[in-house]
Amino acid sequence: MFFLYSTNIQDIEGDDIQRDLQNSTMGVYVINKEGGEIGADDDIGIYVEGEIILDNIGSVAQACAMMLGVIYVMNMAYPKELKYSYEFIQKVLLKMDGERLSPKVLGLKNKIIAGL
């Protein structure tokens, strides 16, 4: 399962990306040129059920926020295998309904805070 799919342009041929995205329900993908500057991504986008639905998004942070919007607008359920990833983004990073965290996400939040 991929939540964040990242690859270099020289590593891919033809439909390699599409084939890789078929293995996951939804997520964010990042494509960059090999040897390019760190953070100078060639493409950032969102895929759902193997299909790219949004591309050329400015940053990974914007893509994550937009993905939550896509889930909400399309009235989709969070994929079970990514439940805690989405809960962390929504409740800890975006501070939406953050007072009620599952034990796993609360533990991760506490570890991050303790490490600061």
PDB file of N, CA and C in Angstrom:
ATOM      1  N   MET A   1       0.835  -1.190   0.000  1.00  0.00           N
ATOM      2  CA  MET A   1       0.000   0.000   0.000  1.00  0.00           C
ATOM      3  C   MET A   1       0.872   1.244   0.000  1.00  0.00           C
ATOM      4  N   PHE A   2       0.537   2.197  -0.828  1.00  0.00           N
ATOM      5  CA  PHE A   2       1.253   3.467  -0.847  1.00  0.00           C
ATOM      6  C   PHE A   2       0.342   4.558  -0.312  1.00  0.00           C
ATOM      7  N   PHE A   3       0.841   5.348   0.576  1.00  0.00           N
ATOM      8  CA  PHE A   3       0.150   6.587   0.908  1.00  0.00           C
ATOM      9  C   PHE A   3       0.849   7.695   0.159  1.00  0.00           C
ATOM     10  N   LEU A   4       2.163   7.699   0.202  1.00  0.00           N
ATOM     11  CA  LEU A   4       2.946   8.670  -0.544  1.00  0.00           C
ATOM     12  C   LEU A   4       3.817   7.887  -1.507  1.00  0.00           C
ATOM     13  N   TYR A   5       3.594   8.073  -2.789  1.00  0.00           N
ATOM     14  CA  TYR A   5       4.330   7.372  -3.830  1.00  0.00           C
ATOM     15  C   TYR A   5       5.308   8.367  -4.428  1.00  0.00           C
ATOM     16  N   SER A   6       6.589   8.050  -4.416  1.00  0.00           N
ATOM     17  CA  SER A   6       7.600   8.961  -4.933  1.00  0.00           C
ATOM     18  C   SER A   6       8.525   8.205  -5.873  1.00  0.00           C
ATOM     19  N   THR A   7       8.895   8.829  -6.979  1.00  0.00           N
ATOM     20  CA  THR A   7       9.795   8.190  -7.929  1.00  0.00           C
ATOM     21  C   THR A   7      10.581   9.250  -8.693  1.00  0.00           C
ATOM     22  N   ASN A   8      11.676   8.829  -9.294  1.00  0.00           N
ATOM     23  CA  ASN A   8      12.463   9.695 -10.166  1.00  0.00           C
ATOM     24  C   ASN A   8      12.068   9.424 -11.604  1.00  0.00           C
ATOM     25  N   ILE A   9      12.102  10.451 -12.450  1.00  0.00           N
ATOM     26  CA  ILE A   9      11.687  10.308 -13.845  1.00  0.00           C
ATOM     27  C   ILE A   9      12.527   9.266 -14.574  1.00  0.00           C
ATOM     28  N   GLN A  10      13.828   9.179 -14.300  1.00  0.00           N
ATOM     29  CA  GLN A  10      14.662   8.200 -14.998  1.00  0.00           C
ATOM     30  C   GLN A  10      14.331   6.764 -14.597  1.00  0.00           C
ATOM     31  N   ASP A  11      13.655   6.590 -13.460  1.00  0.00           N
ATOM     32  CA  ASP A  11      13.310   5.246 -12.991  1.00  0.00           C
ATOM     33  C   ASP A  11      12.047   4.691 -13.636  1.00  0.00           C
ATOM     34  N   ILE A  12      11.302   5.513 -14.379  1.00  0.00           N
ATOM     35  CA  ILE A  12       9.999   5.076 -14.867  1.00  0.00           C
ATOM     36  C   ILE A  12       9.984   4.982 -16.381  1.00  0.00           C
ATOM     37  N   GLU A  13       9.142   4.115 -16.862  1.00  0.00           N
ATOM     38  CA  GLU A  13       8.930   3.972 -18.294  1.00  0.00           C
ATOM     39  C   GLU A  13       7.447   3.795 -18.540  1.00  0.00           C
ATOM     40  N   GLY A  14       6.913   4.536 -19.475  1.00  0.00           N
ATOM     41  CA  GLY A  14       5.532   4.359 -19.908  1.00  0.00           C
ATOM     42  C   GLY A  14       4.510   4.337 -18.801  1.00  0.00           C
ATOM     43  N   ASP A  15       3.868   3.190 -18.634  1.00  0.00           N
ATOM     44  CA  ASP A  15       2.760   3.062 -17.696  1.00  0.00           C
ATOM     45  C   ASP A  15       3.190   2.569 -16.314  1.00  0.00           C
ATOM     46  N   ASP A  16       4.481   2.662 -15.989  1.00  0.00           N
ATOM     47  CA  ASP A  16       4.952   2.176 -14.692  1.00  0.00           C
ATOM     48  C   ASP A  16       4.236   2.844 -13.529  1.00  0.00           C
ATOM     49  N   ILE A  17       4.057   4.151 -13.598  1.00  0.00           N
ATOM     50  CA  ILE A  17       3.396   4.863 -12.501  1.00  0.00           C
ATOM     51  C   ILE A  17       1.970   4.368 -12.358  1.00  0.00           C
ATOM     52  N   GLN A  18       1.236   4.318 -13.460  1.00  0.00           N
ATOM     53  CA  GLN A  18      -0.161   3.884 -13.415  1.00  0.00           C
ATOM     54  C   GLN A  18      -0.273   2.480 -12.831  1.00  0.00           C
ATOM     55  N   ARG A  19       0.627   1.604 -13.220  1.00  0.00           N
ATOM     56  CA  ARG A  19       0.607   0.229 -12.716  1.00  0.00           C
ATOM     57  C   ARG A  19       0.884   0.214 -11.208  1.00  0.00           C
ATOM     58  N   ASP A  20       1.829   1.018 -10.752  1.00  0.00           N
ATOM     59  CA  ASP A  20       2.130   1.082  -9.322  1.00  0.00           C
ATOM     60  C   ASP A  20       0.965   1.648  -8.527  1.00  0.00           C
ATOM     61  N   LEU A  21       0.277   2.644  -9.076  1.00  0.00           N
ATOM     62  CA  LEU A  21      -0.835   3.268  -8.366  1.00  0.00           C
ATOM     63  C   LEU A  21      -2.037   2.338  -8.260  1.00  0.00           C
ATOM     64  N   GLN A  22      -2.140   1.347  -9.134  1.00  0.00           N
ATOM     65  CA  GLN A  22      -3.251   0.393  -9.081  1.00  0.00           C
ATOM     66  C   GLN A  22      -3.232  -0.418  -7.788  1.00  0.00           C
ATOM     67  N   ASN A  23      -2.076  -0.496  -7.133  1.00  0.00           N
ATOM     68  CA  ASN A  23      -1.937  -1.306  -5.925  1.00  0.00           C
ATOM     69  C   ASN A  23      -2.441  -0.611  -4.669  1.00  0.00           C
ATOM     70  N   SER A  24      -2.943   0.602  -4.772  1.00  0.00           N
ATOM     71  CA  SER A  24      -3.372   1.356  -3.602  1.00  0.00           C
ATOM     72  C   SER A  24      -4.716   2.013  -3.853  1.00  0.00           C
ATOM     73  N   THR A  25      -5.462   2.232  -2.784  1.00  0.00           N
ATOM     74  CA  THR A  25      -6.785   2.835  -2.909  1.00  0.00           C
ATOM     75  C   THR A  25      -6.701   4.308  -3.256  1.00  0.00           C
ATOM     76  N   MET A  26      -5.917   5.053  -2.484  1.00  0.00           N
ATOM     77  CA  MET A  26      -5.761   6.483  -2.752  1.00  0.00           C
ATOM     78  C   MET A  26      -4.505   6.987  -2.079  1.00  0.00           C
ATOM     79  N   GLY A  27      -4.040   8.138  -2.537  1.00  0.00           N
ATOM     80  CA  GLY A  27      -2.855   8.715  -1.922  1.00  0.00           C
ATOM     81  C   GLY A  27      -2.313   9.877  -2.712  1.00  0.00           C
ATOM     82  N   VAL A  28      -1.125  10.308  -2.306  1.00  0.00           N
ATOM     83  CA  VAL A  28      -0.418  11.415  -2.936  1.00  0.00           C
ATOM     84  C   VAL A  28       0.788  10.822  -3.656  1.00  0.00           C
ATOM     85  N   TYR A  29       1.060  11.296  -4.866  1.00  0.00           N
ATOM     86  CA  TYR A  29       2.272  10.862  -5.558  1.00  0.00           C
ATOM     87  C   TYR A  29       3.169  12.066  -5.815  1.00  0.00           C
ATOM     88  N   VAL A  30       4.484  11.815  -5.833  1.00  0.00           N
ATOM     89  CA  VAL A  30       5.481  12.846  -6.098  1.00  0.00           C
ATOM     90  C   VAL A  30       6.436  12.292  -7.142  1.00  0.00           C
ATOM     91  N   ILE A  31       6.655  13.040  -8.206  1.00  0.00           N
ATOM     92  CA  ILE A  31       7.603  12.651  -9.252  1.00  0.00           C
ATOM     93  C   ILE A  31       8.627  13.774  -9.363  1.00  0.00           C
ATOM     94  N   ASN A  32       9.908  13.400  -9.363  1.00  0.00           N
ATOM     95  CA  ASN A  32      10.941  14.414  -9.536  1.00  0.00           C
ATOM     96  C   ASN A  32      12.009  13.914 -10.491  1.00  0.00           C
ATOM     97  N   LYS A  33      12.750  14.858 -11.054  1.00  0.00           N
ATOM     98  CA  LYS A  33      13.821  14.509 -11.977  1.00  0.00           C
ATOM     99  C   LYS A  33      15.023  14.031 -11.179  1.00  0.00           C
ATOM    100  N   GLU A  34      15.615  12.934 -11.624  1.00  0.00           N
ATOM    101  CA  GLU A  34      16.784  12.416 -10.925  1.00  0.00           C
ATOM    102  C   GLU A  34      17.911  13.437 -11.014  1.00  0.00           C
ATOM    103  N   GLY A  35      18.533  13.682  -9.884  1.00  0.00           N
ATOM    104  CA  GLY A  35      19.609  14.663  -9.837  1.00  0.00           C
ATOM    105  C   GLY A  35      19.105  16.084  -9.708  1.00  0.00           C
ATOM    106  N   GLY A  36      17.788  16.255  -9.695  1.00  0.00           N
ATOM    107  CA  GLY A  36      17.220  17.592  -9.547  1.00  0.00           C
ATOM    108  C   GLY A  36      17.319  18.072  -8.113  1.00  0.00           C
ATOM    109  N   GLU A  37      17.017  19.336  -7.921  1.00  0.00           N
ATOM    110  CA  GLU A  37      17.063  19.927  -6.587  1.00  0.00           C
ATOM    111  C   GLU A  37      16.065  19.263  -5.662  1.00  0.00           C
ATOM    112  N   ILE A  38      16.444  19.136  -4.406  1.00  0.00           N
ATOM    113  CA  ILE A  38      15.523  18.611  -3.404  1.00  0.00           C
ATOM    114  C   ILE A  38      14.401  19.622  -3.234  1.00  0.00           C
ATOM    115  N   GLY A  39      13.177  19.148  -3.285  1.00  0.00           N
ATOM    116  CA  GLY A  39      12.018  20.024  -3.164  1.00  0.00           C
ATOM    117  C   GLY A  39      11.551  20.599  -4.489  1.00  0.00           C
ATOM    118  N   ALA A  40      12.329  20.414  -5.554  1.00  0.00           N
ATOM    119  CA  ALA A  40      11.921  20.892  -6.877  1.00  0.00           C
ATOM    120  C   ALA A  40      11.252  19.728  -7.604  1.00  0.00           C
ATOM    121  N   ASP A  41      10.043  19.408  -7.183  1.00  0.00           N
ATOM    122  CA  ASP A  41       9.340  18.252  -7.733  1.00  0.00           C
ATOM    123  C   ASP A  41       8.745  18.571  -9.096  1.00  0.00           C
ATOM    124  N   ASP A  42       8.806  17.592 -10.000  1.00  0.00           N
ATOM    125  CA  ASP A  42       8.276  17.754 -11.343  1.00  0.00           C
ATOM    126  C   ASP A  42       6.752  17.688 -11.352  1.00  0.00           C
ATOM    127  N   ASP A  43       6.188  16.858 -10.493  1.00  0.00           N
ATOM    128  CA  ASP A  43       4.726  16.747 -10.414  1.00  0.00           C
ATOM    129  C   ASP A  43       4.333  16.195  -9.052  1.00  0.00           C
ATOM    130  N   ILE A  44       3.290  16.758  -8.482  1.00  0.00           N
ATOM    131  CA  ILE A  44       2.688  16.272  -7.242  1.00  0.00           C
ATOM    132  C   ILE A  44       1.203  16.166  -7.520  1.00  0.00           C
ATOM    133  N   GLY A  45       0.599  15.052  -7.150  1.00  0.00           N
ATOM    134  CA  GLY A  45      -0.820  14.882  -7.434  1.00  0.00           C
ATOM    135  C   GLY A  45      -1.493  13.904  -6.496  1.00  0.00           C
ATOM    136  N   ILE A  46      -2.776  13.671  -6.774  1.00  0.00           N
ATOM    137  CA  ILE A  46      -3.612  12.779  -5.971  1.00  0.00           C
ATOM    138  C   ILE A  46      -4.176  11.702  -6.883  1.00  0.00           C
ATOM    139  N   TYR A  47      -4.182  10.476  -6.402  1.00  0.00           N
ATOM    140  CA  TYR A  47      -4.794   9.383  -7.150  1.00  0.00           C
ATOM    141  C   TYR A  47      -5.838   8.693  -6.288  1.00  0.00           C
ATOM    142  N   VAL A  48      -6.889   8.205  -6.928  1.00  0.00           N
ATOM    143  CA  VAL A  48      -7.953   7.457  -6.264  1.00  0.00           C
ATOM    144  C   VAL A  48      -8.222   6.215  -7.094  1.00  0.00           C
ATOM    145  N   GLU A  49      -8.151   5.057  -6.462  1.00  0.00           N
ATOM    146  CA  GLU A  49      -8.389   3.770  -7.119  1.00  0.00           C
ATOM    147  C   GLU A  49      -7.594   3.635  -8.416  1.00  0.00           C
ATOM    148  N   GLY A  50      -6.318   4.028  -8.357  1.00  0.00           N
ATOM    149  CA  GLY A  50      -5.421   3.869  -9.488  1.00  0.00           C
ATOM    150  C   GLY A  50      -5.494   4.946 -10.545  1.00  0.00           C
ATOM    151  N   GLU A  51      -6.413   5.887 -10.429  1.00  0.00           N
ATOM    152  CA  GLU A  51      -6.561   6.956 -11.419  1.00  0.00           C
ATOM    153  C   GLU A  51      -6.086   8.280 -10.842  1.00  0.00           C
ATOM    154  N   ILE A  52      -5.262   8.988 -11.599  1.00  0.00           N
ATOM    155  CA  ILE A  52      -4.815  10.311 -11.181  1.00  0.00           C
ATOM    156  C   ILE A  52      -5.980  11.272 -11.369  1.00  0.00           C
ATOM    157  N   ILE A  53      -6.411  11.918 -10.275  1.00  0.00           N
ATOM    158  CA  ILE A  53      -7.558  12.825 -10.367  1.00  0.00           C
ATOM    159  C   ILE A  53      -7.150  14.291 -10.284  1.00  0.00           C
ATOM    160  N   LEU A  54      -6.014  14.584  -9.658  1.00  0.00           N
ATOM    161  CA  LEU A  54      -5.485  15.947  -9.603  1.00  0.00           C
ATOM    162  C   LEU A  54      -3.978  15.871  -9.782  1.00  0.00           C
ATOM    163  N   ASP A  55      -3.424  16.765 -10.583  1.00  0.00           N
ATOM    164  CA  ASP A  55      -1.976  16.796 -10.741  1.00  0.00           C
ATOM    165  C   ASP A  55      -1.487  18.236 -10.730  1.00  0.00           C
ATOM    166  N   ASN A  56      -0.177  18.402 -10.777  1.00  0.00           N
ATOM    167  CA  ASN A  56       0.464  19.718 -10.745  1.00  0.00           C
ATOM    168  C   ASN A  56       0.049  20.539  -9.530  1.00  0.00           C
ATOM    169  N   ILE A  57      -0.057  19.879  -8.386  1.00  0.00           N
ATOM    170  CA  ILE A  57      -0.346  20.560  -7.126  1.00  0.00           C
ATOM    171  C   ILE A  57       0.979  21.127  -6.612  1.00  0.00           C
ATOM    172  N   GLY A  58       0.940  22.283  -6.011  1.00  0.00           N
ATOM    173  CA  GLY A  58       2.153  23.006  -5.630  1.00  0.00           C
ATOM    174  C   GLY A  58       3.053  22.353  -4.595  1.00  0.00           C
ATOM    175  N   SER A  59       2.496  21.617  -3.638  1.00  0.00           N
ATOM    176  CA  SER A  59       3.320  21.017  -2.590  1.00  0.00           C
ATOM    177  C   SER A  59       2.636  19.768  -2.038  1.00  0.00           C
ATOM    178  N   VAL A  60       3.411  18.975  -1.322  1.00  0.00           N
ATOM    179  CA  VAL A  60       2.858  17.774  -0.699  1.00  0.00           C
ATOM    180  C   VAL A  60       1.834  18.166   0.362  1.00  0.00           C
ATOM    181  N   ALA A  61       2.108  19.239   1.100  1.00  0.00           N
ATOM    182  CA  ALA A  61       1.162  19.692   2.127  1.00  0.00           C
ATOM    183  C   ALA A  61      -0.179  20.065   1.502  1.00  0.00           C
ATOM    184  N   GLN A  62      -0.143  20.800   0.388  1.00  0.00           N
ATOM    185  CA  GLN A  62      -1.386  21.151  -0.308  1.00  0.00           C
ATOM    186  C   GLN A  62      -2.093  19.900  -0.809  1.00  0.00           C
ATOM    187  N   ALA A  63      -1.328  18.949  -1.319  1.00  0.00           N
ATOM    188  CA  ALA A  63      -1.922  17.714  -1.838  1.00  0.00           C
ATOM    189  C   ALA A  63      -2.614  16.934  -0.722  1.00  0.00           C
ATOM    190  N   CYS A  64      -2.006  16.865   0.457  1.00  0.00           N
ATOM    191  CA  CYS A  64      -2.634  16.156   1.586  1.00  0.00           C
ATOM    192  C   CYS A  64      -3.926  16.843   2.001  1.00  0.00           C
ATOM    193  N   ALA A  65      -3.902  18.176   2.081  1.00  0.00           N
ATOM    194  CA  ALA A  65      -5.116  18.914   2.443  1.00  0.00           C
ATOM    195  C   ALA A  65      -6.195  18.735   1.381  1.00  0.00           C
ATOM    196  N   MET A  66      -5.804  18.791   0.111  1.00  0.00           N
ATOM    197  CA  MET A  66      -6.773  18.616  -0.972  1.00  0.00           C
ATOM    198  C   MET A  66      -7.334  17.197  -0.983  1.00  0.00           C
ATOM    199  N   MET A  67      -6.510  16.217  -0.616  1.00  0.00           N
ATOM    200  CA  MET A  67      -6.995  14.842  -0.590  1.00  0.00           C
ATOM    201  C   MET A  67      -8.098  14.683   0.457  1.00  0.00           C
ATOM    202  N   LEU A  68      -7.944  15.319   1.606  1.00  0.00           N
ATOM    203  CA  LEU A  68      -9.010  15.276   2.607  1.00  0.00           C
ATOM    204  C   LEU A  68     -10.275  15.923   2.055  1.00  0.00           C
ATOM    205  N   GLY A  69     -10.122  17.013   1.296  1.00  0.00           N
ATOM    206  CA  GLY A  69     -11.274  17.653   0.656  1.00  0.00           C
ATOM    207  C   GLY A  69     -11.938  16.748  -0.362  1.00  0.00           C
ATOM    208  N   VAL A  70     -11.142  16.035  -1.147  1.00  0.00           N
ATOM    209  CA  VAL A  70     -11.688  15.096  -2.136  1.00  0.00           C
ATOM    210  C   VAL A  70     -12.492  14.006  -1.434  1.00  0.00           C
ATOM    211  N   ILE A  71     -11.950  13.474  -0.347  1.00  0.00           N
ATOM    212  CA  ILE A  71     -12.655  12.430   0.406  1.00  0.00           C
ATOM    213  C   ILE A  71     -13.981  12.967   0.916  1.00  0.00           C
ATOM    214  N   TYR A  72     -13.980  14.192   1.435  1.00  0.00           N
ATOM    215  CA  TYR A  72     -15.199  14.795   1.980  1.00  0.00           C
ATOM    216  C   TYR A  72     -16.224  15.066   0.876  1.00  0.00           C
ATOM    217  N   VAL A  73     -15.788  15.711  -0.204  1.00  0.00           N
ATOM    218  CA  VAL A  73     -16.702  16.085  -1.291  1.00  0.00           C
ATOM    219  C   VAL A  73     -17.299  14.860  -1.969  1.00  0.00           C
ATOM    220  N   MET A  74     -16.490  13.824  -2.157  1.00  0.00           N
ATOM    221  CA  MET A  74     -16.973  12.616  -2.826  1.00  0.00           C
ATOM    222  C   MET A  74     -17.651  11.658  -1.853  1.00  0.00           C
ATOM    223  N   ASN A  75     -17.752  12.077  -0.581  1.00  0.00           N
ATOM    224  CA  ASN A  75     -18.405  11.280   0.456  1.00  0.00           C
ATOM    225  C   ASN A  75     -17.811   9.868   0.522  1.00  0.00           C
ATOM    226  N   MET A  76     -16.488   9.800   0.484  1.00  0.00           N
ATOM    227  CA  MET A  76     -15.781   8.521   0.517  1.00  0.00           C
ATOM    228  C   MET A  76     -15.383   8.188   1.949  1.00  0.00           C
ATOM    229  N   ALA A  77     -15.248   6.925   2.241  1.00  0.00           N
ATOM    230  CA  ALA A  77     -14.731   6.490   3.541  1.00  0.00           C
ATOM    231  C   ALA A  77     -13.208   6.420   3.449  1.00  0.00           C
ATOM    232  N   TYR A  78     -12.547   6.708   4.561  1.00  0.00           N
ATOM    233  CA  TYR A  78     -11.100   6.539   4.591  1.00  0.00           C
ATOM    234  C   TYR A  78     -10.790   5.066   4.378  1.00  0.00           C
ATOM    235  N   PRO A  79      -9.783   4.738   3.574  1.00  0.00           N
ATOM    236  CA  PRO A  79      -9.404   3.332   3.415  1.00  0.00           C
ATOM    237  C   PRO A  79      -8.995   2.749   4.767  1.00  0.00           C
ATOM    238  N   LYS A  80      -9.470   1.556   5.076  1.00  0.00           N
ATOM    239  CA  LYS A  80      -9.189   0.940   6.379  1.00  0.00           C
ATOM    240  C   LYS A  80      -7.696   0.819   6.648  1.00  0.00           C
ATOM    241  N   GLU A  81      -6.929   0.471   5.617  1.00  0.00           N
ATOM    242  CA  GLU A  81      -5.495   0.284   5.820  1.00  0.00           C
ATOM    243  C   GLU A  81      -4.758   1.604   6.059  1.00  0.00           C
ATOM    244  N   LEU A  82      -5.402   2.729   5.785  1.00  0.00           N
ATOM    245  CA  LEU A  82      -4.783   4.044   5.988  1.00  0.00           C
ATOM    246  C   LEU A  82      -5.500   4.862   7.059  1.00  0.00           C
ATOM    247  N   LYS A  83      -6.330   4.201   7.838  1.00  0.00           N
ATOM    248  CA  LYS A  83      -7.162   4.888   8.832  1.00  0.00           C
ATOM    249  C   LYS A  83      -6.346   5.804   9.741  1.00  0.00           C
ATOM    250  N   TYR A  84      -5.265   5.282  10.295  1.00  0.00           N
ATOM    251  CA  TYR A  84      -4.489   6.060  11.252  1.00  0.00           C
ATOM    252  C   TYR A  84      -3.685   7.172  10.571  1.00  0.00           C
ATOM    253  N   SER A  85      -3.265   6.964   9.346  1.00  0.00           N
ATOM    254  CA  SER A  85      -2.568   8.024   8.607  1.00  0.00           C
ATOM    255  C   SER A  85      -3.480   9.221   8.407  1.00  0.00           C
ATOM    256  N   TYR A  86      -4.702   8.955   7.970  1.00  0.00           N
ATOM    257  CA  TYR A  86      -5.649  10.046   7.747  1.00  0.00           C
ATOM    258  C   TYR A  86      -6.065  10.700   9.060  1.00  0.00           C
ATOM    259  N   GLU A  87      -6.231   9.893  10.103  1.00  0.00           N
ATOM    260  CA  GLU A  87      -6.582  10.461  11.408  1.00  0.00           C
ATOM    261  C   GLU A  87      -5.472  11.394  11.889  1.00  0.00           C
ATOM    262  N   PHE A  88      -4.209  10.997  11.709  1.00  0.00           N
ATOM    263  CA  PHE A  88      -3.083  11.830  12.119  1.00  0.00           C
ATOM    264  C   PHE A  88      -3.080  13.150  11.355  1.00  0.00           C
ATOM    265  N   ILE A  89      -3.241  13.082  10.040  1.00  0.00           N
ATOM    266  CA  ILE A  89      -3.258  14.310   9.235  1.00  0.00           C
ATOM    267  C   ILE A  89      -4.399  15.215   9.664  1.00  0.00           C
ATOM    268  N   GLN A  90      -5.580  14.650   9.759  1.00  0.00           N
ATOM    269  CA  GLN A  90      -6.773  15.449  10.046  1.00  0.00           C
ATOM    270  C   GLN A  90      -6.762  16.022  11.460  1.00  0.00           C
ATOM    271  N   LYS A  91      -6.474  15.195  12.443  1.00  0.00           N
ATOM    272  CA  LYS A  91      -6.647  15.624  13.831  1.00  0.00           C
ATOM    273  C   LYS A  91      -5.404  16.249  14.450  1.00  0.00           C
ATOM    274  N   VAL A  92      -4.210  15.803  14.044  1.00  0.00           N
ATOM    275  CA  VAL A  92      -2.993  16.341  14.646  1.00  0.00           C
ATOM    276  C   VAL A  92      -2.426  17.482  13.807  1.00  0.00           C
ATOM    277  N   LEU A  93      -2.218  17.250  12.520  1.00  0.00           N
ATOM    278  CA  LEU A  93      -1.617  18.288  11.686  1.00  0.00           C
ATOM    279  C   LEU A  93      -2.580  19.428  11.378  1.00  0.00           C
ATOM    280  N   LEU A  94      -3.816  19.094  11.003  1.00  0.00           N
ATOM    281  CA  LEU A  94      -4.786  20.128  10.646  1.00  0.00           C
ATOM    282  C   LEU A  94      -5.627  20.590  11.836  1.00  0.00           C
ATOM    283  N   LYS A  95      -5.486  19.916  12.976  1.00  0.00           N
ATOM    284  CA  LYS A  95      -6.185  20.270  14.222  1.00  0.00           C
ATOM    285  C   LYS A  95      -7.699  20.350  14.047  1.00  0.00           C
ATOM    286  N   MET A  96      -8.244  19.388  13.326  1.00  0.00           N
ATOM    287  CA  MET A  96      -9.689  19.283  13.141  1.00  0.00           C
ATOM    288  C   MET A  96     -10.199  18.185  14.068  1.00  0.00           C
ATOM    289  N   ASP A  97     -11.014  18.541  15.041  1.00  0.00           N
ATOM    290  CA  ASP A  97     -11.582  17.560  15.964  1.00  0.00           C
ATOM    291  C   ASP A  97     -10.469  16.792  16.672  1.00  0.00           C
ATOM    292  N   GLY A  98      -9.428  17.505  17.079  1.00  0.00           N
ATOM    293  CA  GLY A  98      -8.227  16.876  17.611  1.00  0.00           C
ATOM    294  C   GLY A  98      -8.283  16.418  19.045  1.00  0.00           C
ATOM    295  N   GLU A  99      -9.348  16.744  19.773  1.00  0.00           N
ATOM    296  CA  GLU A  99      -9.377  16.343  21.178  1.00  0.00           C
ATOM    297  C   GLU A  99      -9.703  14.865  21.363  1.00  0.00           C
ATOM    298  N   ARG A 100     -10.223  14.186  20.356  1.00  0.00           N
ATOM    299  CA  ARG A 100     -10.558  12.754  20.451  1.00  0.00           C
ATOM    300  C   ARG A 100      -9.655  11.963  19.510  1.00  0.00           C
ATOM    301  N   LEU A 101      -8.558  11.434  20.046  1.00  0.00           N
ATOM    302  CA  LEU A 101      -7.605  10.672  19.243  1.00  0.00           C
ATOM    303  C   LEU A 101      -7.644   9.200  19.633  1.00  0.00           C
ATOM    304  N   SER A 102      -7.431   8.345  18.643  1.00  0.00           N
ATOM    305  CA  SER A 102      -7.306   6.917  18.944  1.00  0.00           C
ATOM    306  C   SER A 102      -6.000   6.712  19.718  1.00  0.00           C
ATOM    307  N   PRO A 103      -5.886   5.624  20.474  1.00  0.00           N
ATOM    308  CA  PRO A 103      -4.657   5.380  21.244  1.00  0.00           C
ATOM    309  C   PRO A 103      -3.389   5.369  20.383  1.00  0.00           C
ATOM    310  N   LYS A 104      -3.440   4.803  19.185  1.00  0.00           N
ATOM    311  CA  LYS A 104      -2.258   4.759  18.316  1.00  0.00           C
ATOM    312  C   LYS A 104      -1.821   6.159  17.901  1.00  0.00           C
ATOM    313  N   VAL A 105      -2.765   6.987  17.496  1.00  0.00           N
ATOM    314  CA  VAL A 105      -2.435   8.339  17.044  1.00  0.00           C
ATOM    315  C   VAL A 105      -1.996   9.198  18.227  1.00  0.00           C
ATOM    316  N   LEU A 106      -2.638   9.037  19.373  1.00  0.00           N
ATOM    317  CA  LEU A 106      -2.244   9.781  20.570  1.00  0.00           C
ATOM    318  C   LEU A 106      -0.815   9.425  20.972  1.00  0.00           C
ATOM    319  N   GLY A 107      -0.471   8.142  20.901  1.00  0.00           N
ATOM    320  CA  GLY A 107       0.892   7.713  21.209  1.00  0.00           C
ATOM    321  C   GLY A 107       1.909   8.341  20.273  1.00  0.00           C
ATOM    322  N   LEU A 108       1.615   8.375  18.977  1.00  0.00           N
ATOM    323  CA  LEU A 108       2.514   8.992  18.002  1.00  0.00           C
ATOM    324  C   LEU A 108       2.651  10.483  18.270  1.00  0.00           C
ATOM    325  N   LYS A 109       1.541  11.146  18.536  1.00  0.00           N
ATOM    326  CA  LYS A 109       1.572  12.584  18.827  1.00  0.00           C
ATOM    327  C   LYS A 109       2.455  12.858  20.041  1.00  0.00           C
ATOM    328  N   ASN A 110       2.295  12.069  21.097  1.00  0.00           N
ATOM    329  CA  ASN A 110       3.099  12.256  22.309  1.00  0.00           C
ATOM    330  C   ASN A 110       4.584  12.016  22.051  1.00  0.00           C
ATOM    331  N   LYS A 111       4.922  11.019  21.226  1.00  0.00           N
ATOM    332  CA  LYS A 111       6.326  10.761  20.886  1.00  0.00           C
ATOM    333  C   LYS A 111       6.919  11.926  20.108  1.00  0.00           C
ATOM    334  N   ILE A 112       6.146  12.485  19.185  1.00  0.00           N
ATOM    335  CA  ILE A 112       6.630  13.624  18.394  1.00  0.00           C
ATOM    336  C   ILE A 112       6.856  14.829  19.292  1.00  0.00           C
ATOM    337  N   ILE A 113       5.901  15.109  20.172  1.00  0.00           N
ATOM    338  CA  ILE A 113       6.028  16.254  21.075  1.00  0.00           C
ATOM    339  C   ILE A 113       7.219  16.062  22.016  1.00  0.00           C
ATOM    340  N   ALA A 114       7.417  14.851  22.529  1.00  0.00           N
ATOM    341  CA  ALA A 114       8.536  14.576  23.435  1.00  0.00           C
ATOM    342  C   ALA A 114       9.884  14.739  22.733  1.00  0.00           C
ATOM    343  N   GLY A 115       9.917  14.499  21.424  1.00  0.00           N
ATOM    344  CA  GLY A 115      11.156  14.616  20.661  1.00  0.00           C
ATOM    345  C   GLY A 115      11.517  16.039  20.287  1.00  0.00           C
ATOM    346  N   LEU A 116      10.595  16.975  20.478  1.00  0.00           N
ATOM    347  CA  LEU A 116      10.875  18.371  20.124  1.00  0.00           C
ATOM    348  C   LEU A 116      11.694  19.021  21.148  1.00  0.00           C
TER     349      LEU A 116
END
